[in-house]
Amino acid sequence: MKTVIAFGSFDILHRGHILYLDEAKRLGGRLVVVIARDESVRMFKGKRPFFDERTRRYMVGSLRVVDQAVLGGKLSKPADIYRIFLKHRPDIIAIGYDQRVNVAELKEWLAAHGIAARVVRIRKKLNEEFYKSSAIKRRIASL
C-alpha cells in the first residue's frame, strides 16, 4: 500500500480542501495529512490562523478520506517543512494547485535524504471566490 502525504494549514475547512484530499487519496492507499503548526502559518502566510493547530488537526483527522492527521514539525526556517517526510517516508507527495512549493527544491531535498517519493501537483480546483479560506474569511467579515 502506498503512502500519500498531503499538507496544508486547513484553517477554515471547506469543500476545496475535501476535493484536494480526495484527489490525494486516489494517488495511493494511505493518506497522511500534515497540518501546519500555528507558527508555520504565521511564517508562511504572515498572519495567525483562525483555528489553532490542534483544532485543525482534529477536524481534518475526522474526515473519512484521511487515514492519519499529524501536526507538522516545529520550524526554525522554511526549509524545515520537509523534515516530516523523514518520519513518514511517503511514496507520493500531493501538492495543492495553489500551494507555493518549489517542486525542484523539494525533489532535490527528497533525493538528498534517500526518499524516492513522487511529487504530484493536484490541479483540480473549485471556484476560488467560494472555496478558498481567505475568500471565506472576507465574506464572513463583510456580513
C-alpha atoms as a PDB file:
ATOM      1  CA  MET A   1       0.000   0.000   0.000  1.00  0.00           C
ATOM      2  CA  LYS A   2       1.391   3.383  -0.990  1.00  0.00           C
ATOM      3  CA  THR A   3       1.507   6.239   1.492  1.00  0.00           C
ATOM      4  CA  VAL A   4       0.456   9.641   0.227  1.00  0.00           C
ATOM      5  CA  ILE A   5       1.223  12.797   2.171  1.00  0.00           C
ATOM      6  CA  ALA A   6      -0.799  15.950   1.692  1.00  0.00           C
ATOM      7  CA  PHE A   7      -0.166  19.078   3.698  1.00  0.00           C
ATOM      8  CA  GLY A   8      -1.597  22.489   4.400  1.00  0.00           C
ATOM      9  CA  SER A   9      -2.953  24.787   7.052  1.00  0.00           C
ATOM     10  CA  PHE A  10      -6.644  23.846   6.605  1.00  0.00           C
ATOM     11  CA  ASP A  11      -7.629  26.904   8.599  1.00  0.00           C
ATOM     12  CA  ILE A  12     -11.286  27.043   7.660  1.00  0.00           C
ATOM     13  CA  LEU A  13     -12.116  23.608   6.337  1.00  0.00           C
ATOM     14  CA  HIS A  14     -14.156  23.797   3.123  1.00  0.00           C
ATOM     15  CA  ARG A  15     -15.140  21.851   0.017  1.00  0.00           C
ATOM     16  CA  GLY A  16     -11.933  22.795  -1.822  1.00  0.00           C
ATOM     17  CA  HIS A  17      -9.899  21.105   0.918  1.00  0.00           C
ATOM     18  CA  ILE A  18     -12.062  17.984   0.632  1.00  0.00           C
ATOM     19  CA  LEU A  19     -11.501  17.899  -3.149  1.00  0.00           C
ATOM     20  CA  TYR A  20      -7.728  18.204  -2.642  1.00  0.00           C
ATOM     21  CA  LEU A  21      -7.701  15.387  -0.074  1.00  0.00           C
ATOM     22  CA  ASP A  22      -9.969  13.147  -2.184  1.00  0.00           C
ATOM     23  CA  GLU A  23      -7.641  13.586  -5.168  1.00  0.00           C
ATOM     24  CA  ALA A  24      -4.586  12.931  -2.987  1.00  0.00           C
ATOM     25  CA  LYS A  25      -6.141   9.735  -1.598  1.00  0.00           C
ATOM     26  CA  ARG A  26      -6.759   8.471  -5.147  1.00  0.00           C
ATOM     27  CA  LEU A  27      -2.992   8.526  -5.751  1.00  0.00           C
ATOM     28  CA  GLY A  28      -2.297   5.771  -3.222  1.00  0.00           C
ATOM     29  CA  GLY A  29      -3.785   3.707  -0.447  1.00  0.00           C
ATOM     30  CA  ARG A  30      -2.993   5.511   2.804  1.00  0.00           C
ATOM     31  CA  LEU A  31      -3.431   9.269   3.241  1.00  0.00           C
ATOM     32  CA  VAL A  32      -1.426  11.089   5.883  1.00  0.00           C
ATOM     33  CA  VAL A  33      -2.258  14.774   6.187  1.00  0.00           C
ATOM     34  CA  VAL A  34       0.277  17.120   7.744  1.00  0.00           C
ATOM     35  CA  ILE A  35      -1.337  20.114   9.419  1.00  0.00           C
ATOM     36  CA  ALA A  36       0.803  23.254   9.593  1.00  0.00           C
ATOM     37  CA  ARG A  37       1.669  24.425  13.069  1.00  0.00           C
ATOM     38  CA  ASP A  38       0.354  27.824  14.150  1.00  0.00           C
ATOM     39  CA  GLU A  39       3.890  29.258  13.968  1.00  0.00           C
ATOM     40  CA  SER A  40       4.291  27.872  10.430  1.00  0.00           C
ATOM     41  CA  VAL A  41       1.066  29.533   9.279  1.00  0.00           C
ATOM     42  CA  ARG A  42       2.367  32.834  10.660  1.00  0.00           C
ATOM     43  CA  MET A  43       5.742  32.281   8.947  1.00  0.00           C
ATOM     44  CA  PHE A  44       4.320  31.430   5.521  1.00  0.00           C
ATOM     45  CA  LYS A  45       1.112  33.472   5.438  1.00  0.00           C
ATOM     46  CA  GLY A  46       2.061  36.397   7.645  1.00  0.00           C
ATOM     47  CA  LYS A  47      -0.967  36.004   9.918  1.00  0.00           C
ATOM     48  CA  ARG A  48      -2.179  33.723  12.619  1.00  0.00           C
ATOM     49  CA  PRO A  49      -4.745  31.059  11.794  1.00  0.00           C
ATOM     50  CA  PHE A  50      -8.373  31.406  12.863  1.00  0.00           C
ATOM     51  CA  PHE A  51      -8.404  27.936  14.442  1.00  0.00           C
ATOM     52  CA  ASP A  52      -5.477  26.641  16.499  1.00  0.00           C
ATOM     53  CA  GLU A  53      -3.352  23.743  15.259  1.00  0.00           C
ATOM     54  CA  ARG A  54      -4.931  21.094  17.469  1.00  0.00           C
ATOM     55  CA  THR A  55      -8.447  22.029  16.367  1.00  0.00           C
ATOM     56  CA  ARG A  56      -7.391  21.979  12.712  1.00  0.00           C
ATOM     57  CA  ARG A  57      -5.733  18.575  13.163  1.00  0.00           C
ATOM     58  CA  TYR A  58      -8.868  17.211  14.841  1.00  0.00           C
ATOM     59  CA  MET A  59     -11.167  18.494  12.081  1.00  0.00           C
ATOM     60  CA  VAL A  60      -9.017  17.121   9.253  1.00  0.00           C
ATOM     61  CA  GLY A  61      -8.471  13.845  11.108  1.00  0.00           C
ATOM     62  CA  SER A  62     -12.240  13.443  11.394  1.00  0.00           C
ATOM     63  CA  LEU A  63     -12.644  13.267   7.626  1.00  0.00           C
ATOM     64  CA  ARG A  64     -13.388   9.793   6.263  1.00  0.00           C
ATOM     65  CA  VAL A  65     -10.794  10.142   3.480  1.00  0.00           C
ATOM     66  CA  VAL A  66      -7.945  10.817   5.941  1.00  0.00           C
ATOM     67  CA  ASP A  67      -6.137   7.836   7.474  1.00  0.00           C
ATOM     68  CA  GLN A  68      -3.949   9.920   9.771  1.00  0.00           C
ATOM     69  CA  ALA A  69      -3.681  13.631  10.531  1.00  0.00           C
ATOM     70  CA  VAL A  70      -0.477  14.823  12.170  1.00  0.00           C
ATOM     71  CA  LEU A  71       0.940  18.162  13.181  1.00  0.00           C
ATOM     72  CA  GLY A  72       3.924  19.331  11.178  1.00  0.00           C
ATOM     73  CA  GLY A  73       7.252  19.819  12.836  1.00  0.00           C
ATOM     74  CA  LYS A  74       8.322  22.997  14.554  1.00  0.00           C
ATOM     75  CA  LEU A  75      10.185  25.180  12.103  1.00  0.00           C
ATOM     76  CA  SER A  76      13.206  27.347  12.643  1.00  0.00           C
ATOM     77  CA  LYS A  77      13.423  28.117   8.914  1.00  0.00           C
ATOM     78  CA  PRO A  78      11.097  27.472   5.932  1.00  0.00           C
ATOM     79  CA  ALA A  79      13.165  24.527   4.616  1.00  0.00           C
ATOM     80  CA  ASP A  80      12.412  22.624   7.856  1.00  0.00           C
ATOM     81  CA  ILE A  81       8.939  21.953   6.457  1.00  0.00           C
ATOM     82  CA  TYR A  82      10.316  18.877   4.668  1.00  0.00           C
ATOM     83  CA  ARG A  83      11.631  17.155   7.816  1.00  0.00           C
ATOM     84  CA  ILE A  84       8.235  15.493   8.389  1.00  0.00           C
ATOM     85  CA  PHE A  85       8.939  13.323   5.331  1.00  0.00           C
ATOM     86  CA  LEU A  86      11.793  11.631   7.202  1.00  0.00           C
ATOM     87  CA  LYS A  87       9.307  10.279   9.734  1.00  0.00           C
ATOM     88  CA  HIS A  88       6.531   9.208   7.363  1.00  0.00           C
ATOM     89  CA  ARG A  89       8.625   8.209   4.276  1.00  0.00           C
ATOM     90  CA  PRO A  90       5.879   8.819   1.696  1.00  0.00           C
ATOM     91  CA  ASP A  91       5.657   7.170  -1.694  1.00  0.00           C
ATOM     92  CA  ILE A  92       3.768  10.175  -3.063  1.00  0.00           C
ATOM     93  CA  ILE A  93       3.561  13.815  -2.010  1.00  0.00           C
ATOM     94  CA  ALA A  94       0.412  15.608  -3.155  1.00  0.00           C
ATOM     95  CA  ILE A  95       0.658  19.380  -3.535  1.00  0.00           C
ATOM     96  CA  GLY A  96      -2.426  21.546  -3.911  1.00  0.00           C
ATOM     97  CA  TYR A  97      -2.912  23.678  -7.022  1.00  0.00           C
ATOM     98  CA  ASP A  98      -2.313  26.895  -5.061  1.00  0.00           C
ATOM     99  CA  GLN A  99       0.418  25.777  -2.670  1.00  0.00           C
ATOM    100  CA  ARG A 100       3.642  27.699  -3.085  1.00  0.00           C
ATOM    101  CA  VAL A 101       6.118  24.851  -3.157  1.00  0.00           C
ATOM    102  CA  ASN A 102       9.346  24.882  -5.121  1.00  0.00           C
ATOM    103  CA  VAL A 103       8.974  21.398  -6.610  1.00  0.00           C
ATOM    104  CA  ALA A 104      12.573  21.256  -7.882  1.00  0.00           C
ATOM    105  CA  GLU A 105      13.873  22.162  -4.408  1.00  0.00           C
ATOM    106  CA  LEU A 106      11.570  19.583  -2.807  1.00  0.00           C
ATOM    107  CA  LYS A 107      12.736  16.834  -5.194  1.00  0.00           C
ATOM    108  CA  GLU A 108      16.356  17.741  -4.516  1.00  0.00           C
ATOM    109  CA  TRP A 109      15.764  17.548  -0.751  1.00  0.00           C
ATOM    110  CA  LEU A 110      13.985  14.194  -1.093  1.00  0.00           C
ATOM    111  CA  ALA A 111      16.840  12.741  -3.179  1.00  0.00           C
ATOM    112  CA  ALA A 112      19.445  14.018  -0.720  1.00  0.00           C
ATOM    113  CA  HIS A 113      17.584  12.258   2.099  1.00  0.00           C
ATOM    114  CA  GLY A 114      17.009   8.968   0.264  1.00  0.00           C
ATOM    115  CA  ILE A 115      13.265   9.359  -0.159  1.00  0.00           C
ATOM    116  CA  ALA A 116      12.052   8.179  -3.561  1.00  0.00           C
ATOM    117  CA  ALA A 117       8.660   9.884  -3.417  1.00  0.00           C
ATOM    118  CA  ARG A 118       6.813  11.045  -6.500  1.00  0.00           C
ATOM    119  CA  VAL A 119       5.632  14.653  -6.275  1.00  0.00           C
ATOM    120  CA  VAL A 120       2.195  15.297  -7.781  1.00  0.00           C
ATOM    121  CA  ARG A 121       0.509  18.683  -8.144  1.00  0.00           C
ATOM    122  CA  ILE A 122      -3.275  18.349  -7.745  1.00  0.00           C
ATOM    123  CA  ARG A 123      -4.742  20.525 -10.480  1.00  0.00           C
ATOM    124  CA  LYS A 124      -8.453  20.211  -9.726  1.00  0.00           C
ATOM    125  CA  LYS A 125      -9.969  23.223  -8.033  1.00  0.00           C
ATOM    126  CA  LEU A 126     -13.294  24.800  -7.307  1.00  0.00           C
ATOM    127  CA  ASN A 127     -14.420  28.395  -7.666  1.00  0.00           C
ATOM    128  CA  GLU A 128     -11.894  30.323  -5.555  1.00  0.00           C
ATOM    129  CA  GLU A 129     -14.464  33.005  -4.733  1.00  0.00           C
ATOM    130  CA  PHE A 130     -16.341  30.436  -2.642  1.00  0.00           C
ATOM    131  CA  TYR A 131     -13.791  27.746  -1.784  1.00  0.00           C
ATOM    132  CA  LYS A 132     -10.656  29.453  -0.556  1.00  0.00           C
ATOM    133  CA  SER A 133     -10.130  30.152   3.159  1.00  0.00           C
ATOM    134  CA  SER A 134      -9.087  33.773   2.598  1.00  0.00           C
ATOM    135  CA  ALA A 135     -12.193  34.435   0.461  1.00  0.00           C
ATOM    136  CA  ILE A 136     -14.435  32.796   3.060  1.00  0.00           C
ATOM    137  CA  LYS A 137     -12.924  34.959   5.807  1.00  0.00           C
ATOM    138  CA  ARG A 138     -13.519  38.100   3.737  1.00  0.00           C
ATOM    139  CA  ARG A 139     -17.149  37.122   3.128  1.00  0.00           C
ATOM    140  CA  ILE A 140     -17.697  36.421   6.822  1.00  0.00           C
ATOM    141  CA  ALA A 141     -16.120  39.767   7.787  1.00  0.00           C
ATOM    142  CA  SER A 142     -18.432  41.611   5.410  1.00  0.00           C
ATOM    143  CA  LEU A 143     -21.615  40.169   6.986  1.00  0.00           C
END
